[in-house]
Amino acid sequence: MPNLKLLSRFFERLLSTLERAFLKLIAPSRHSLTLSIATDLPRSKSQLIAEHALLRQQLIILRRQVNKPRFPNPSASGSFCLPAESAIGKMYF
């Protein structure tokens, strides 16, 4: 039984170390904006454009994964409009 406890402690420490390493890896950078700008200055325009394109592509993919809210059919629940969208509302807003 002592070997089982020793093995259990070993795996607990291993998992704890792996968890800390993973959290450190995915944590956002703490660099300042000034430092980021200073590191971008020597980069060529084509490198910056390529990085920008890659980041835009990642945003496009993330937007596809977000569930958009579905609103019920307006004819089924009765239609409504905001005051600014009605003819009278347009006169006042």
Protein backbone atom coordinates (compact mmCIF):
# COMPACT_ATOMS: atom_id res chain seq x y z
CA MET A 1 0.00 0.00 0.00
CA PRO A 2 2.78 2.56 0.65
CA ASN A 3 3.81 2.27 -3.00
CA LEU A 4 0.28 3.14 -4.07
CA LYS A 5 0.30 6.33 -1.96
CA LEU A 6 3.71 7.27 -3.32
CA LEU A 7 2.53 6.69 -6.87
CA SER A 8 -0.63 8.69 -6.22
CA ARG A 9 1.37 11.67 -4.90
CA PHE A 10 3.68 11.48 -7.88
CA PHE A 11 0.78 11.68 -10.35
CA GLU A 12 -0.85 14.51 -8.38
CA ARG A 13 2.36 16.54 -8.59
CA LEU A 14 2.80 15.68 -12.24
CA LEU A 15 -0.74 16.77 -13.09
CA SER A 16 -0.34 19.93 -11.04
CA THR A 17 2.88 20.81 -12.86
CA LEU A 18 1.31 20.11 -16.25
CA GLU A 19 -1.73 22.22 -15.38
CA ARG A 20 0.45 25.18 -14.32
CA ALA A 21 2.52 24.87 -17.51
CA PHE A 22 -0.62 24.74 -19.65
CA LEU A 23 -2.17 27.75 -17.93
CA LYS A 24 1.06 29.70 -18.35
CA LEU A 25 1.14 28.75 -22.03
CA ILE A 26 -2.39 29.97 -22.76
CA ALA A 27 -2.24 33.08 -20.57
CA PRO A 28 -2.37 36.39 -22.44
CA SER A 29 0.87 38.27 -22.85
CA ARG A 30 1.65 40.95 -20.29
CA HIS A 31 3.83 43.01 -22.62
CA SER A 32 3.04 46.68 -22.90
CA LEU A 33 1.74 48.30 -26.05
CA THR A 34 4.94 50.32 -26.35
CA LEU A 35 7.05 47.17 -26.31
CA SER A 36 4.81 45.57 -28.93
CA ILE A 37 5.14 48.59 -31.20
CA ALA A 38 8.91 48.64 -30.71
CA THR A 39 9.17 44.98 -31.75
CA ASP A 40 7.02 45.65 -34.84
CA LEU A 41 9.14 48.55 -36.10
CA PRO A 42 11.94 46.47 -37.69
CA ARG A 43 9.45 44.13 -39.38
CA SER A 44 8.73 44.63 -43.05
CA LYS A 45 5.38 45.79 -44.30
CA SER A 46 4.77 42.46 -46.03
CA GLN A 47 5.34 40.57 -42.75
CA LEU A 48 2.86 42.81 -40.94
CA ILE A 49 0.28 42.43 -43.72
CA ALA A 50 0.68 38.65 -43.62
CA GLU A 51 0.21 38.60 -39.85
CA HIS A 52 -2.83 40.85 -40.16
CA ALA A 53 -4.36 38.54 -42.77
CA LEU A 54 -3.76 35.52 -40.54
CA LEU A 55 -5.40 37.24 -37.56
CA ARG A 56 -8.39 38.27 -39.69
CA GLN A 57 -8.79 34.66 -40.85
CA GLN A 58 -8.77 33.47 -37.24
CA LEU A 59 -11.49 35.99 -36.38
CA ILE A 60 -13.60 34.81 -39.30
CA ILE A 61 -13.32 31.21 -38.09
CA LEU A 62 -14.20 32.21 -34.51
CA ARG A 63 -17.29 34.10 -35.69
CA ARG A 64 -18.51 30.98 -37.48
CA GLN A 65 -18.31 29.02 -34.23
CA VAL A 66 -20.42 31.48 -32.21
CA ASN A 67 -24.06 30.47 -31.94
CA LYS A 68 -26.30 33.26 -33.14
CA PRO A 69 -29.57 33.80 -31.30
CA ARG A 70 -32.66 32.64 -33.14
CA PHE A 71 -35.68 34.86 -32.90
CA PRO A 72 -39.17 33.46 -33.23
CA ASN A 73 -41.13 34.01 -36.40
CA PRO A 74 -42.62 37.54 -36.11
CA SER A 75 -45.91 36.47 -37.71
CA ALA A 76 -46.38 33.71 -35.11
CA SER A 77 -45.94 35.95 -32.08
CA GLY A 78 -47.39 39.14 -33.49
CA SER A 79 -45.23 41.71 -35.18
CA PHE A 80 -43.88 44.73 -33.38
CA CYS A 81 -41.59 47.59 -34.28
CA LEU A 82 -39.61 50.12 -32.37
CA PRO A 83 -40.95 53.70 -32.26
CA ALA A 84 -38.04 54.96 -34.35
CA GLU A 85 -38.92 52.47 -37.12
CA SER A 86 -42.56 53.51 -37.45
CA ALA A 87 -43.73 56.37 -39.65
CA ILE A 88 -44.64 58.51 -36.64
CA GLY A 89 -41.39 57.66 -34.89
CA LYS A 90 -39.36 58.83 -37.89
CA MET A 91 -40.89 62.29 -37.57
CA TYR A 92 -39.73 62.65 -33.97
CA PHE A 93 -36.40 60.78 -33.95
